[in-house]
Amino acid sequence: MTRLPLKHRNPLQLLVATILSAQCTDNQVNRVTPALFARYRTAAEFASADPSELEALVHPTGFYRQKARAITRTARMLDQKFGGVVPSTMEELLELPGVGRKTANVVLGGIFGLPSVVVDTHVRRISRRLGLTAHGDPTKVEQDLMRLLDRGQWSDFSLRVIYLGREICRARQPLCPTCPLRRLCPFARGSLSRGPSSR
């Protein structure tokens, strides 16, 4: 199983870290979370956090006001409706404010070991380049990949593709000549035939 890049010790920490990862690198999130998780340890503590203090702690991840608000609202519902425990079903996770299918799938696969397809910007881009989907909508991409892949491959596939997207199959100037999937990839074949200036 490919390892999750977001550092965490429990479901709540992974949920919060995933919220912080929106429009932010995992490395930056991992620099922020040690102090954050030392200060707030339970859903109840996050729910009652002083907004300015929480905002200051998550500020380096960007969009800090929205993220602090999302964390507080999510923690409040966790505390009030789920007894402070992160739920283990897609339906219940999607009830949490600020939690979409991507975040829910990260938690389901990363904590509960349930097969899940995480569609972030890398998975969406690379799936289209490989011809695995013609869609741009993340939910439709997720559905296409679920149909194509064996259920036991869902979580690992997503993480491997995310790492590929960060290191090789980048949005701009992808490193097609060094990509291990270049012979299988329509995008790479076209890119290599056109030359680097056309990427």
C-alpha atoms as a PDB file:
ATOM      1  CA  MET A   1       0.000   0.000   0.000  1.00  0.00           C
ATOM      2  CA  THR A   2       1.361   3.408  -0.996  1.00  0.00           C
ATOM      3  CA  ARG A   3       1.841   5.692   1.981  1.00  0.00           C
ATOM      4  CA  LEU A   4      -0.299   8.779   2.514  1.00  0.00           C
ATOM      5  CA  PRO A   5       1.797  11.963   2.275  1.00  0.00           C
ATOM      6  CA  LEU A   6      -0.184  13.805   4.978  1.00  0.00           C
ATOM      7  CA  LYS A   7       1.210  13.049   8.432  1.00  0.00           C
ATOM      8  CA  HIS A   8      -1.392  12.063  11.015  1.00  0.00           C
ATOM      9  CA  ARG A   9      -1.942   9.822  14.025  1.00  0.00           C
ATOM     10  CA  ASN A  10      -5.720   9.422  14.027  1.00  0.00           C
ATOM     11  CA  PRO A  11      -8.814   9.982  11.847  1.00  0.00           C
ATOM     12  CA  LEU A  12      -9.446  13.507  13.140  1.00  0.00           C
ATOM     13  CA  GLN A  13      -5.911  14.611  12.303  1.00  0.00           C
ATOM     14  CA  LEU A  14      -6.148  13.212   8.776  1.00  0.00           C
ATOM     15  CA  LEU A  15      -9.511  14.897   8.258  1.00  0.00           C
ATOM     16  CA  VAL A  16      -8.155  18.262   9.382  1.00  0.00           C
ATOM     17  CA  ALA A  17      -4.943  17.852   7.364  1.00  0.00           C
ATOM     18  CA  THR A  18      -6.936  17.033   4.241  1.00  0.00           C
ATOM     19  CA  ILE A  19      -9.056  20.155   4.682  1.00  0.00           C
ATOM     20  CA  LEU A  20      -5.854  22.173   4.973  1.00  0.00           C
ATOM     21  CA  SER A  21      -4.375  20.561   1.850  1.00  0.00           C
ATOM     22  CA  ALA A  22      -6.794  22.342  -0.493  1.00  0.00           C
ATOM     23  CA  GLN A  23      -4.735  24.668  -2.712  1.00  0.00           C
ATOM     24  CA  CYS A  24      -1.658  23.831  -0.628  1.00  0.00           C
ATOM     25  CA  THR A  25       1.191  21.337  -0.840  1.00  0.00           C
ATOM     26  CA  ASP A  26       1.271  18.391   1.520  1.00  0.00           C
ATOM     27  CA  ASN A  27       4.757  19.402   2.642  1.00  0.00           C
ATOM     28  CA  GLN A  28       3.451  22.783   3.758  1.00  0.00           C
ATOM     29  CA  VAL A  29       0.525  21.158   5.576  1.00  0.00           C
ATOM     30  CA  ASN A  30       2.953  18.810   7.326  1.00  0.00           C
ATOM     31  CA  ARG A  31       4.948  21.814   8.542  1.00  0.00           C
ATOM     32  CA  VAL A  32       1.826  23.374  10.047  1.00  0.00           C
ATOM     33  CA  THR A  33       0.097  20.401  11.660  1.00  0.00           C
ATOM     34  CA  PRO A  34       2.529  19.492  14.477  1.00  0.00           C
ATOM     35  CA  ALA A  35       1.819  22.739  16.332  1.00  0.00           C
ATOM     36  CA  LEU A  36      -1.857  22.597  15.367  1.00  0.00           C
ATOM     37  CA  PHE A  37      -2.346  19.054  16.656  1.00  0.00           C
ATOM     38  CA  ALA A  38      -0.408  19.804  19.822  1.00  0.00           C
ATOM     39  CA  ARG A  39      -2.801  22.669  20.539  1.00  0.00           C
ATOM     40  CA  TYR A  40      -6.074  20.930  19.609  1.00  0.00           C
ATOM     41  CA  ARG A  41      -6.436  17.215  20.290  1.00  0.00           C
ATOM     42  CA  THR A  42     -10.167  16.496  20.054  1.00  0.00           C
ATOM     43  CA  ALA A  43     -13.141  17.553  17.956  1.00  0.00           C
ATOM     44  CA  ALA A  44     -14.498  19.450  20.955  1.00  0.00           C
ATOM     45  CA  GLU A  45     -11.260  21.445  21.271  1.00  0.00           C
ATOM     46  CA  PHE A  46     -11.291  22.338  17.573  1.00  0.00           C
ATOM     47  CA  ALA A  47     -14.980  23.249  17.818  1.00  0.00           C
ATOM     48  CA  SER A  48     -14.355  25.695  20.660  1.00  0.00           C
ATOM     49  CA  ALA A  49     -11.115  27.121  19.250  1.00  0.00           C
ATOM     50  CA  ASP A  50     -10.609  30.863  19.294  1.00  0.00           C
ATOM     51  CA  PRO A  51     -11.003  31.845  15.625  1.00  0.00           C
ATOM     52  CA  SER A  52      -8.030  34.205  15.557  1.00  0.00           C
ATOM     53  CA  GLU A  53      -5.741  31.637  17.163  1.00  0.00           C
ATOM     54  CA  LEU A  54      -6.825  28.879  14.801  1.00  0.00           C
ATOM     55  CA  GLU A  55      -6.449  31.180  11.807  1.00  0.00           C
ATOM     56  CA  ALA A  56      -2.932  32.102  12.889  1.00  0.00           C
ATOM     57  CA  LEU A  57      -1.929  28.441  13.154  1.00  0.00           C
ATOM     58  CA  VAL A  58      -3.276  27.493   9.713  1.00  0.00           C
ATOM     59  CA  HIS A  59      -2.304  30.772   8.020  1.00  0.00           C
ATOM     60  CA  PRO A  60       0.696  29.314   6.107  1.00  0.00           C
ATOM     61  CA  THR A  61      -1.595  26.907   4.225  1.00  0.00           C
ATOM     62  CA  GLY A  62      -3.442  29.748   2.479  1.00  0.00           C
ATOM     63  CA  PHE A  63      -7.156  30.607   2.505  1.00  0.00           C
ATOM     64  CA  TYR A  64      -6.733  30.435   6.259  1.00  0.00           C
ATOM     65  CA  ARG A  65     -10.020  32.094   7.226  1.00  0.00           C
ATOM     66  CA  GLN A  66     -12.101  29.703   5.118  1.00  0.00           C
ATOM     67  CA  LYS A  67     -10.093  26.693   6.289  1.00  0.00           C
ATOM     68  CA  ALA A  68     -10.292  27.655   9.956  1.00  0.00           C
ATOM     69  CA  ARG A  69     -14.035  28.144   9.606  1.00  0.00           C
ATOM     70  CA  ALA A  70     -14.431  24.776   7.834  1.00  0.00           C
ATOM     71  CA  ILE A  71     -12.425  22.990  10.517  1.00  0.00           C
ATOM     72  CA  THR A  72     -14.459  24.582  13.310  1.00  0.00           C
ATOM     73  CA  ARG A  73     -17.800  23.771  11.688  1.00  0.00           C
ATOM     74  CA  THR A  74     -16.738  20.223  10.880  1.00  0.00           C
ATOM     75  CA  ALA A  75     -15.459  19.674  14.411  1.00  0.00           C
ATOM     76  CA  ARG A  76     -18.675  21.058  15.871  1.00  0.00           C
ATOM     77  CA  MET A  77     -20.785  18.568  13.923  1.00  0.00           C
ATOM     78  CA  LEU A  78     -18.388  15.750  14.814  1.00  0.00           C
ATOM     79  CA  ASP A  79     -18.753  16.643  18.473  1.00  0.00           C
ATOM     80  CA  GLN A  80     -22.504  17.164  18.469  1.00  0.00           C
ATOM     81  CA  LYS A  81     -23.719  14.477  16.073  1.00  0.00           C
ATOM     82  CA  PHE A  82     -21.008  11.803  16.031  1.00  0.00           C
ATOM     83  CA  GLY A  83     -19.716  11.919  19.590  1.00  0.00           C
ATOM     84  CA  GLY A  84     -16.398  13.398  18.486  1.00  0.00           C
ATOM     85  CA  VAL A  85     -15.652  10.360  16.300  1.00  0.00           C
ATOM     86  CA  VAL A  86     -14.927  10.643  12.573  1.00  0.00           C
ATOM     87  CA  PRO A  87     -17.546   8.523  10.782  1.00  0.00           C
ATOM     88  CA  SER A  88     -16.550   5.683   8.487  1.00  0.00           C
ATOM     89  CA  THR A  89     -19.103   5.964   5.683  1.00  0.00           C
ATOM     90  CA  MET A  90     -19.199   8.219   2.640  1.00  0.00           C
ATOM     91  CA  GLU A  91     -22.748   9.330   3.425  1.00  0.00           C
ATOM     92  CA  GLU A  92     -21.905  10.469   6.958  1.00  0.00           C
ATOM     93  CA  LEU A  93     -18.614  12.106   5.978  1.00  0.00           C
ATOM     94  CA  LEU A  94     -20.388  14.148   3.304  1.00  0.00           C
ATOM     95  CA  GLU A  95     -22.686  15.539   6.001  1.00  0.00           C
ATOM     96  CA  LEU A  96     -19.703  17.351   7.510  1.00  0.00           C
ATOM     97  CA  PRO A  97     -19.351  20.990   6.427  1.00  0.00           C
ATOM     98  CA  GLY A  98     -16.554  21.506   3.935  1.00  0.00           C
ATOM     99  CA  VAL A  99     -16.076  17.791   3.288  1.00  0.00           C
ATOM    100  CA  GLY A 100     -16.468  16.705  -0.328  1.00  0.00           C
ATOM    101  CA  ARG A 101     -15.894  13.370  -1.993  1.00  0.00           C
ATOM    102  CA  LYS A 102     -12.137  13.894  -2.312  1.00  0.00           C
ATOM    103  CA  THR A 103     -11.677  14.496   1.421  1.00  0.00           C
ATOM    104  CA  ALA A 104     -14.092  11.703   2.305  1.00  0.00           C
ATOM    105  CA  ASN A 105     -12.229   9.249   0.077  1.00  0.00           C
ATOM    106  CA  VAL A 106      -8.886  10.209   1.615  1.00  0.00           C
ATOM    107  CA  VAL A 107     -10.270   9.433   5.067  1.00  0.00           C
ATOM    108  CA  LEU A 108     -12.031   6.228   4.010  1.00  0.00           C
ATOM    109  CA  GLY A 109      -8.944   4.833   2.327  1.00  0.00           C
ATOM    110  CA  GLY A 110      -6.266   6.264   4.586  1.00  0.00           C
ATOM    111  CA  ILE A 111      -7.842   5.511   7.961  1.00  0.00           C
ATOM    112  CA  PHE A 112     -10.462   2.840   7.523  1.00  0.00           C
ATOM    113  CA  GLY A 113      -8.748   0.894   4.737  1.00  0.00           C
ATOM    114  CA  LEU A 114     -11.848   1.029   2.549  1.00  0.00           C
ATOM    115  CA  PRO A 115     -11.346   1.019  -1.223  1.00  0.00           C
ATOM    116  CA  SER A 116     -11.661   4.595  -2.444  1.00  0.00           C
ATOM    117  CA  VAL A 117     -10.724   6.609  -5.502  1.00  0.00           C
ATOM    118  CA  VAL A 118      -9.316  10.009  -4.579  1.00  0.00           C
ATOM    119  CA  VAL A 119      -9.648  12.441  -7.478  1.00  0.00           C
ATOM    120  CA  ASP A 120      -7.464  15.483  -7.001  1.00  0.00           C
ATOM    121  CA  THR A 121      -6.034  17.711  -9.706  1.00  0.00           C
ATOM    122  CA  HIS A 122      -3.284  15.187 -10.521  1.00  0.00           C
ATOM    123  CA  VAL A 123      -5.601  12.177 -10.810  1.00  0.00           C
ATOM    124  CA  ARG A 124      -8.033  14.142 -12.968  1.00  0.00           C
ATOM    125  CA  ARG A 125      -5.293  15.422 -15.295  1.00  0.00           C
ATOM    126  CA  ILE A 126      -3.420  12.128 -15.677  1.00  0.00           C
ATOM    127  CA  SER A 127      -6.582  10.050 -16.097  1.00  0.00           C
ATOM    128  CA  ARG A 128      -7.538  12.277 -19.023  1.00  0.00           C
ATOM    129  CA  ARG A 129      -4.031  12.115 -20.509  1.00  0.00           C
ATOM    130  CA  LEU A 130      -4.033   8.325 -20.272  1.00  0.00           C
ATOM    131  CA  GLY A 131      -7.451   8.140 -21.908  1.00  0.00           C
ATOM    132  CA  LEU A 132      -9.075   6.588 -18.840  1.00  0.00           C
ATOM    133  CA  THR A 133     -11.794   9.237 -18.821  1.00  0.00           C
ATOM    134  CA  ALA A 134     -13.065  11.980 -21.072  1.00  0.00           C
ATOM    135  CA  HIS A 135     -14.550  13.940 -18.175  1.00  0.00           C
ATOM    136  CA  GLY A 136     -13.258  16.897 -16.221  1.00  0.00           C
ATOM    137  CA  ASP A 137     -15.787  16.671 -13.402  1.00  0.00           C
ATOM    138  CA  PRO A 138     -14.117  14.888 -10.439  1.00  0.00           C
ATOM    139  CA  THR A 139     -17.194  12.816  -9.585  1.00  0.00           C
ATOM    140  CA  LYS A 140     -17.454  11.509 -13.143  1.00  0.00           C
ATOM    141  CA  VAL A 141     -13.715  10.804 -13.228  1.00  0.00           C
ATOM    142  CA  GLU A 142     -14.105   8.873  -9.968  1.00  0.00           C
ATOM    143  CA  GLN A 143     -16.965   6.826 -11.431  1.00  0.00           C
ATOM    144  CA  ASP A 144     -14.993   6.043 -14.598  1.00  0.00           C
ATOM    145  CA  LEU A 145     -11.971   4.882 -12.622  1.00  0.00           C
ATOM    146  CA  MET A 146     -14.127   2.769 -10.313  1.00  0.00           C
ATOM    147  CA  ARG A 147     -15.522   0.970 -13.358  1.00  0.00           C
ATOM    148  CA  LEU A 148     -12.093   0.417 -14.926  1.00  0.00           C
ATOM    149  CA  LEU A 149     -10.117  -0.709 -11.877  1.00  0.00           C
ATOM    150  CA  ASP A 150     -10.429  -3.688  -9.600  1.00  0.00           C
ATOM    151  CA  ARG A 151     -11.876  -2.538  -6.271  1.00  0.00           C
ATOM    152  CA  GLY A 152      -8.741  -3.583  -4.412  1.00  0.00           C
ATOM    153  CA  GLN A 153      -6.642  -1.237  -6.570  1.00  0.00           C
ATOM    154  CA  TRP A 154      -8.655   1.940  -6.037  1.00  0.00           C
ATOM    155  CA  SER A 155      -6.780   3.503  -3.109  1.00  0.00           C
ATOM    156  CA  ASP A 156      -3.301   2.529  -4.224  1.00  0.00           C
ATOM    157  CA  PHE A 157      -3.938   3.681  -7.794  1.00  0.00           C
ATOM    158  CA  SER A 158      -4.968   7.146  -6.622  1.00  0.00           C
ATOM    159  CA  LEU A 159      -1.892   7.641  -4.457  1.00  0.00           C
ATOM    160  CA  ARG A 160       0.501   6.372  -7.127  1.00  0.00           C
ATOM    161  CA  VAL A 161      -1.015   8.701  -9.714  1.00  0.00           C
ATOM    162  CA  ILE A 162      -0.781  11.640  -7.312  1.00  0.00           C
ATOM    163  CA  TYR A 163       2.936  10.989  -6.813  1.00  0.00           C
ATOM    164  CA  LEU A 164       3.397  10.593 -10.596  1.00  0.00           C
ATOM    165  CA  GLY A 165       1.685  13.925 -11.136  1.00  0.00           C
ATOM    166  CA  ARG A 166       3.916  15.716  -8.677  1.00  0.00           C
ATOM    167  CA  GLU A 167       7.180  14.311  -9.950  1.00  0.00           C
ATOM    168  CA  ILE A 168       6.733  13.591 -13.662  1.00  0.00           C
ATOM    169  CA  CYS A 169       3.334  14.165 -15.257  1.00  0.00           C
ATOM    170  CA  ARG A 170       3.118  17.803 -14.285  1.00  0.00           C
ATOM    171  CA  ALA A 171       0.483  20.174 -15.581  1.00  0.00           C
ATOM    172  CA  ARG A 172       3.129  22.272 -17.322  1.00  0.00           C
ATOM    173  CA  GLN A 173       6.203  20.792 -18.962  1.00  0.00           C
ATOM    174  CA  PRO A 174       5.536  17.136 -18.136  1.00  0.00           C
ATOM    175  CA  LEU A 175       8.618  14.931 -18.250  1.00  0.00           C
ATOM    176  CA  CYS A 176       7.217  12.560 -20.867  1.00  0.00           C
ATOM    177  CA  PRO A 177      10.590  11.105 -21.988  1.00  0.00           C
ATOM    178  CA  THR A 178      11.279   9.800 -18.471  1.00  0.00           C
ATOM    179  CA  CYS A 179       7.738   8.659 -17.661  1.00  0.00           C
ATOM    180  CA  PRO A 180       7.362   4.910 -17.054  1.00  0.00           C
ATOM    181  CA  LEU A 181       3.902   5.049 -18.676  1.00  0.00           C
ATOM    182  CA  ARG A 182       4.998   6.843 -21.847  1.00  0.00           C
ATOM    183  CA  ARG A 183       4.401   3.835 -24.136  1.00  0.00           C
ATOM    184  CA  LEU A 184       0.841   3.468 -22.836  1.00  0.00           C
ATOM    185  CA  CYS A 185      -0.020   7.162 -22.827  1.00  0.00           C
ATOM    186  CA  PRO A 186      -1.656   8.866 -25.831  1.00  0.00           C
ATOM    187  CA  PHE A 187      -0.659  12.263 -24.459  1.00  0.00           C
ATOM    188  CA  ALA A 188       3.003  11.246 -24.134  1.00  0.00           C
ATOM    189  CA  ARG A 189       3.113   9.758 -27.622  1.00  0.00           C
ATOM    190  CA  GLY A 190       1.739  12.955 -29.085  1.00  0.00           C
ATOM    191  CA  SER A 191       3.986  15.124 -26.933  1.00  0.00           C
ATOM    192  CA  LEU A 192       7.123  13.181 -27.831  1.00  0.00           C
ATOM    193  CA  SER A 193       6.313  13.274 -31.544  1.00  0.00           C
ATOM    194  CA  ARG A 194       5.736  17.029 -31.430  1.00  0.00           C
ATOM    195  CA  GLY A 195       8.768  17.818 -29.321  1.00  0.00           C
ATOM    196  CA  PRO A 196       9.144  19.775 -26.073  1.00  0.00           C
ATOM    197  CA  SER A 197       8.146  23.111 -27.544  1.00  0.00           C
ATOM    198  CA  SER A 198       4.549  21.965 -28.075  1.00  0.00           C
ATOM    199  CA  ARG A 199       3.824  20.752 -24.536  1.00  0.00           C
END
